[in-house]
Amino acid sequence: MELPEPKMAVRTLRVAAHFDDVILLVTVPASLATASSTDARSKREYNESHIVTARRAKQDKDENYLLPESVELECVRYCVVYDGNTASLNETGPAIKCSRVVAQVYRYPVLVLEGGYERFSAYYHFFRSQKVFWMPQEIEEFLSYPIEIIPGLLYLGDQRQANDRHIHKDLKINAQVNVSLDPEKNLSSEVHNELHIPVMDSCDSDLLKFFSRACEFIDKHMGTNSAVLVFSKLGISRSSTVVIAYLIYCKKYFLKEAWTHVLTCKPNMRPNRGFVKQLSEWENIILGQQSTDIADPHY
């Protein structure tokens, strides 16, 4: 099965193109607590709806964008600017103009959302809001969504997300792979297609023997355009291992490529050492060679 090109998501970050101080973004940072979103559209458009927690860019009477207070950006890792539909850094729309101004006081490259609000809201309508003021505690408590690995089809998450009916509804999750010791009966009743892989997060656990079954299960449901959520207790080791195994299986990625893809989407993913060795074996089974040197500290 071919992987679609990456689309925007509110859960991961990926760079499409960049200049020295501005980057075109096809995805949005995972944590709202470490991100600042600036809406460069008109006041009317902003009031109608905007991305959750986004602030409208300040302008003077001549509609020139004003420098934001540096204190507003000093504690955030990602600064995202968007307008209605800017799709390229070669354009001269509001997002590009605003990002150039913001870049003067921000220590990292400013991120411009590809396709703007129009494209984002079409894919992620559940992240639209009319609320203007957010308390810091509200932002901290904003529940994260699963990581999007294959747009609209494959997600990587944790146990809390697997039991959240709102997430299932928003992402249209129709099948789940539960890579934990907790039985399937604990899962949300909204999902009826479930595969339970009862494995501990231990270097001695044999997850390799479940790779074929898990990949076939995922492939079967994705083949009918059904979204699949792969999860474990924390969504860091076991579930990420299964997702990497699936990319090797379906895309014929070498382990290095699959690892990089998932790491780009979820920077804190970390299969334990035993699972890394099993992924190397899986690479050999599927591709007929062990191309990736797992002795590299990167793994």
Protein backbone atom coordinates (compact mmCIF):
# COMPACT_ATOMS: atom_id res chain seq x y z
CA MET A 1 0.00 0.00 0.00
CA GLU A 2 1.46 3.37 -1.01
CA LEU A 3 1.69 6.08 1.65
CA PRO A 4 -0.11 9.32 0.83
CA GLU A 5 1.90 12.53 0.93
CA PRO A 6 1.91 14.13 4.40
CA LYS A 7 -0.93 16.52 5.13
CA MET A 8 -1.33 18.88 8.03
CA ALA A 9 -1.96 17.55 11.49
CA VAL A 10 -2.28 19.13 14.86
CA ARG A 11 -0.06 16.49 16.37
CA THR A 12 3.26 16.47 14.56
CA LEU A 13 5.69 18.81 12.88
CA ARG A 14 7.25 18.44 9.47
CA VAL A 15 9.15 20.95 7.35
CA ALA A 16 8.29 21.38 3.68
CA ALA A 17 10.63 24.25 2.73
CA HIS A 18 12.42 27.06 4.47
CA PHE A 19 14.30 30.33 4.23
CA ASP A 20 16.66 31.59 6.94
CA ASP A 21 14.02 32.77 9.36
CA VAL A 22 10.72 31.38 8.05
CA ILE A 23 9.69 27.78 7.47
CA LEU A 24 6.72 26.45 5.51
CA LEU A 25 4.90 23.93 7.64
CA VAL A 26 2.76 21.00 6.58
CA THR A 27 1.99 20.02 10.16
CA VAL A 28 1.45 21.73 13.49
CA PRO A 29 3.27 21.09 16.81
CA ALA A 30 1.91 18.38 19.08
CA SER A 31 1.73 20.37 22.31
CA LEU A 32 -0.31 23.54 22.51
CA ALA A 33 1.55 24.38 25.72
CA THR A 34 4.83 24.75 23.80
CA ALA A 35 3.36 26.46 20.73
CA SER A 36 2.15 29.93 19.85
CA SER A 37 -0.31 30.26 16.97
CA THR A 38 -0.81 33.64 15.31
CA ASP A 39 -3.77 34.32 13.03
CA ALA A 40 -2.88 36.85 10.34
CA ARG A 41 -6.39 37.05 8.87
CA SER A 42 -8.89 39.87 9.28
CA LYS A 43 -10.68 40.49 12.57
CA ARG A 44 -13.96 39.34 11.05
CA GLU A 45 -12.49 36.05 9.88
CA TYR A 46 -10.79 35.49 13.22
CA ASN A 47 -13.99 36.12 15.16
CA GLU A 48 -15.92 33.69 12.97
CA SER A 49 -13.52 30.88 13.91
CA HIS A 50 -9.83 30.18 14.33
CA ILE A 51 -7.44 27.43 15.43
CA VAL A 52 -7.75 26.60 19.11
CA THR A 53 -5.67 29.00 21.30
CA ALA A 54 -4.57 31.11 18.30
CA ARG A 55 -4.22 34.86 18.82
CA ARG A 56 -4.93 37.42 16.15
CA ALA A 57 -1.88 39.33 14.91
CA LYS A 58 -1.81 42.98 15.96
CA GLN A 59 -1.85 45.68 13.27
CA ASP A 60 -1.56 49.45 13.17
CA LYS A 61 -4.06 51.78 11.48
CA ASP A 62 -2.36 51.19 8.13
CA GLU A 63 -2.72 47.42 8.58
CA ASN A 64 1.00 46.87 9.06
CA TYR A 65 1.78 44.00 11.41
CA LEU A 66 3.23 45.01 14.77
CA LEU A 67 6.03 43.33 16.65
CA PRO A 68 4.64 41.00 19.32
CA GLU A 69 5.89 41.31 22.88
CA SER A 70 9.00 39.14 23.18
CA VAL A 71 7.66 37.81 26.49
CA GLU A 72 4.81 36.19 24.55
CA LEU A 73 7.30 33.99 22.68
CA GLU A 74 10.13 33.38 25.13
CA CYS A 75 8.57 30.23 26.62
CA VAL A 76 7.35 28.57 23.42
CA ARG A 77 9.29 26.22 21.17
CA TYR A 78 7.14 26.65 18.06
CA CYS A 79 5.66 29.83 16.64
CA VAL A 80 3.09 29.15 13.93
CA VAL A 81 1.62 31.86 11.70
CA TYR A 82 -1.28 31.28 9.32
CA ASP A 83 -3.68 33.17 7.09
CA GLY A 84 -6.49 32.00 4.85
CA ASN A 85 -4.72 29.88 2.25
CA THR A 86 -1.00 30.65 1.79
CA ALA A 87 0.60 27.54 0.27
CA SER A 88 4.13 28.68 -0.58
CA LEU A 89 6.91 30.82 0.85
CA ASN A 90 7.10 32.49 -2.56
CA GLU A 91 3.71 34.10 -1.99
CA THR A 92 3.23 37.55 -0.48
CA GLY A 93 0.08 36.93 1.56
CA PRO A 94 -0.66 38.01 5.14
CA ALA A 95 1.02 34.96 6.71
CA ILE A 96 4.33 35.65 4.97
CA LYS A 97 4.28 39.35 5.87
CA CYS A 98 3.34 38.63 9.47
CA SER A 99 5.94 35.88 9.86
CA ARG A 100 8.72 38.24 8.75
CA VAL A 101 7.74 40.65 11.50
CA VAL A 102 7.47 37.96 14.17
CA ALA A 103 10.87 36.58 13.13
CA GLN A 104 12.50 39.80 14.33
CA VAL A 105 11.83 38.91 17.98
CA TYR A 106 11.71 35.11 17.89
CA ARG A 107 14.88 33.05 18.38
CA TYR A 108 13.75 30.10 16.23
CA PRO A 109 12.52 30.06 12.62
CA VAL A 110 8.86 31.06 12.40
CA LEU A 111 6.54 28.39 10.98
CA VAL A 112 3.95 29.19 8.30
CA LEU A 113 1.04 26.76 8.01
CA GLU A 114 0.76 25.39 4.48
CA GLY A 115 -2.68 25.94 2.99
CA GLY A 116 -3.66 28.23 5.85
CA TYR A 117 -6.85 28.04 7.86
CA GLU A 118 -8.95 26.88 4.92
CA ARG A 119 -7.03 23.65 4.48
CA PHE A 120 -6.47 23.06 8.17
CA SER A 121 -10.12 23.46 9.12
CA ALA A 122 -11.20 21.19 6.27
CA TYR A 123 -9.13 18.33 7.71
CA TYR A 124 -9.34 19.16 11.41
CA HIS A 125 -12.68 20.87 12.01
CA PHE A 126 -12.61 19.76 15.66
CA PHE A 127 -9.69 22.12 16.33
CA ARG A 128 -11.67 25.20 15.37
CA SER A 129 -12.84 27.62 18.04
CA GLN A 130 -14.43 31.03 18.61
CA LYS A 131 -12.90 31.39 22.06
CA VAL A 132 -10.41 34.25 22.31
CA PHE A 133 -9.00 34.14 25.85
CA TRP A 134 -7.43 30.99 27.31
CA MET A 135 -6.08 30.62 30.82
CA PRO A 136 -2.65 28.94 31.10
CA GLN A 137 -4.22 26.06 33.01
CA GLU A 138 -6.75 25.51 30.23
CA ILE A 139 -3.94 25.19 27.69
CA GLU A 140 -2.02 22.79 29.93
CA GLU A 141 -5.12 20.63 30.34
CA PHE A 142 -5.92 20.57 26.63
CA LEU A 143 -5.90 16.86 25.82
CA SER A 144 -3.55 15.79 23.06
CA TYR A 145 -4.66 13.66 20.12
CA PRO A 146 -2.88 10.59 18.72
CA ILE A 147 0.04 11.12 16.38
CA GLU A 148 -0.87 10.92 12.70
CA ILE A 149 1.54 8.53 10.95
CA ILE A 150 -0.33 8.08 7.66
CA PRO A 151 -2.75 10.98 7.09
CA GLY A 152 -6.31 10.06 7.89
CA LEU A 153 -5.51 6.35 8.17
CA LEU A 154 -2.89 5.38 10.77
CA TYR A 155 -2.47 6.87 14.23
CA LEU A 156 -0.11 6.20 17.13
CA GLY A 157 -1.37 6.85 20.65
CA ASP A 158 -1.64 5.90 24.29
CA GLN A 159 -4.22 4.14 26.43
CA ARG A 160 -6.05 7.29 27.44
CA GLN A 161 -6.57 8.29 23.83
CA ALA A 162 -7.73 4.78 22.97
CA ASN A 163 -10.54 5.12 25.52
CA ASP A 164 -11.65 8.59 24.47
CA ARG A 165 -14.85 8.46 22.42
CA HIS A 166 -14.45 12.04 21.26
CA ILE A 167 -11.09 11.21 19.69
CA HIS A 168 -12.58 8.17 17.96
CA LYS A 169 -15.36 10.31 16.55
CA ASP A 170 -13.11 13.17 15.46
CA LEU A 171 -10.52 10.94 13.77
CA LYS A 172 -13.07 8.37 12.56
CA ILE A 173 -11.17 5.50 14.20
CA ASN A 174 -12.69 2.18 13.13
CA ALA A 175 -10.04 -0.28 14.32
CA GLN A 176 -7.45 -0.50 17.08
CA VAL A 177 -4.31 -2.49 17.84
CA ASN A 178 -3.86 -2.76 21.60
CA VAL A 179 -0.21 -3.55 22.35
CA SER A 180 -0.41 -3.93 26.12
CA LEU A 181 -1.34 -6.43 28.82
CA ASP A 182 -4.67 -4.71 29.44
CA PRO A 183 -7.53 -6.71 27.90
CA GLU A 184 -9.68 -5.46 25.07
CA LYS A 185 -12.74 -5.11 27.29
CA ASN A 186 -11.22 -1.91 28.71
CA LEU A 187 -11.32 -0.21 25.32
CA SER A 188 -13.96 2.20 24.14
CA SER A 189 -17.15 0.50 23.02
CA GLU A 190 -17.12 2.79 19.99
CA VAL A 191 -14.55 0.56 18.25
CA HIS A 192 -15.54 -3.01 17.41
CA ASN A 193 -12.52 -4.05 15.33
CA GLU A 194 -9.75 -4.71 17.82
CA LEU A 195 -6.54 -6.71 17.84
CA HIS A 196 -5.02 -7.36 21.26
CA ILE A 197 -1.29 -8.09 21.47
CA PRO A 198 -0.56 -8.95 25.13
CA VAL A 199 3.12 -8.03 25.42
CA MET A 200 5.06 -6.37 28.24
CA ASP A 201 7.39 -3.46 27.54
CA SER A 202 10.47 -5.55 28.27
CA CYS A 203 13.64 -6.26 26.32
CA ASP A 204 12.84 -9.95 26.78
CA SER A 205 9.33 -9.74 25.30
CA ASP A 206 8.78 -11.33 21.88
CA LEU A 207 6.86 -8.82 19.80
CA LEU A 208 8.33 -10.07 16.53
CA LYS A 209 5.98 -13.06 16.44
CA PHE A 210 3.00 -10.67 16.34
CA PHE A 211 4.31 -8.43 13.54
CA SER A 212 2.71 -10.36 10.68
CA ARG A 213 -0.69 -10.52 12.36
CA ALA A 214 -0.59 -6.83 13.30
CA CYS A 215 0.49 -5.71 9.83
CA GLU A 216 -2.18 -7.79 8.11
CA PHE A 217 -4.83 -6.42 10.49
CA ILE A 218 -3.78 -2.82 9.85
CA ASP A 219 -3.50 -3.37 6.10
CA LYS A 220 -6.94 -4.96 5.94
CA HIS A 221 -8.67 -2.00 7.54
CA MET A 222 -6.63 0.71 5.86
CA GLY A 223 -7.38 -1.01 2.57
CA THR A 224 -11.03 -0.06 3.08
CA ASN A 225 -10.06 3.51 4.08
CA SER A 226 -10.76 2.78 7.75
CA ALA A 227 -8.63 4.67 10.26
CA VAL A 228 -6.56 2.54 12.64
CA LEU A 229 -5.17 3.51 16.05
CA VAL A 230 -2.15 1.58 17.35
CA PHE A 231 -1.61 2.16 21.05
CA SER A 232 0.17 0.99 24.17
CA LYS A 233 0.06 2.30 27.73
CA LEU A 234 2.22 5.36 27.06
CA GLY A 235 2.45 5.21 23.27
CA ILE A 236 6.24 5.29 23.31
CA SER A 237 7.76 1.81 22.98
CA ARG A 238 5.45 -1.08 22.07
CA SER A 239 3.00 0.77 19.83
CA SER A 240 5.75 2.69 18.03
CA THR A 241 7.50 -0.63 17.39
CA VAL A 242 4.39 -2.04 15.70
CA VAL A 243 3.96 1.12 13.62
CA ILE A 244 7.59 0.95 12.45
CA ALA A 245 7.11 -2.72 11.59
CA TYR A 246 4.06 -1.79 9.53
CA LEU A 247 5.95 0.84 7.53
CA ILE A 248 8.63 -1.74 6.74
CA TYR A 249 5.88 -4.17 5.71
CA CYS A 250 3.63 -1.91 3.64
CA LYS A 251 6.05 0.65 2.22
CA LYS A 252 9.10 -1.61 2.08
CA TYR A 253 11.02 1.00 4.04
CA PHE A 254 14.35 0.00 5.49
CA LEU A 255 14.33 0.19 9.28
CA LYS A 256 16.26 3.46 9.15
CA GLU A 257 13.63 5.07 6.91
CA ALA A 258 10.69 3.80 8.95
CA TRP A 259 12.38 4.88 12.18
CA THR A 260 13.02 8.38 10.83
CA HIS A 261 9.43 8.71 9.60
CA VAL A 262 7.94 7.84 12.99
CA LEU A 263 10.53 9.88 14.91
CA THR A 264 9.68 12.92 12.80
CA CYS A 265 6.02 12.51 13.71
CA LYS A 266 6.62 11.61 17.37
CA PRO A 267 9.99 12.82 18.73
CA ASN A 268 9.62 10.94 22.03
CA MET A 269 9.00 7.51 20.50
CA ARG A 270 11.50 4.96 21.81
CA PRO A 271 11.26 1.17 21.24
CA ASN A 272 13.29 -0.67 23.87
CA ARG A 273 16.54 -2.34 22.83
CA GLY A 274 14.98 -5.77 22.50
CA PHE A 275 12.32 -4.43 20.13
CA VAL A 276 14.98 -2.66 18.05
CA LYS A 277 16.72 -6.00 17.50
CA GLN A 278 13.40 -7.58 16.52
CA LEU A 279 12.74 -4.78 14.04
CA SER A 280 16.14 -5.48 12.51
CA GLU A 281 15.13 -9.14 12.12
CA TRP A 282 11.82 -8.02 10.60
CA GLU A 283 13.70 -5.84 8.11
CA ASN A 284 15.59 -8.95 6.99
CA ILE A 285 12.41 -11.04 6.78
CA ILE A 286 10.51 -8.47 4.68
CA LEU A 287 13.33 -6.98 2.60
CA GLY A 288 15.79 -9.85 2.50
CA GLN A 289 18.61 -7.86 4.07
CA GLN A 290 19.55 -6.07 7.28
CA SER A 291 20.49 -2.69 5.86
CA THR A 292 20.23 -0.71 9.09
CA ASP A 293 23.11 -0.74 11.58
CA ILE A 294 21.30 -0.88 14.92
CA ALA A 295 24.63 -0.53 16.75
CA ASP A 296 24.39 3.14 15.85
CA PRO A 297 23.57 5.15 19.04
CA HIS A 298 20.68 6.68 17.08
CA TYR A 299 18.75 3.49 17.80
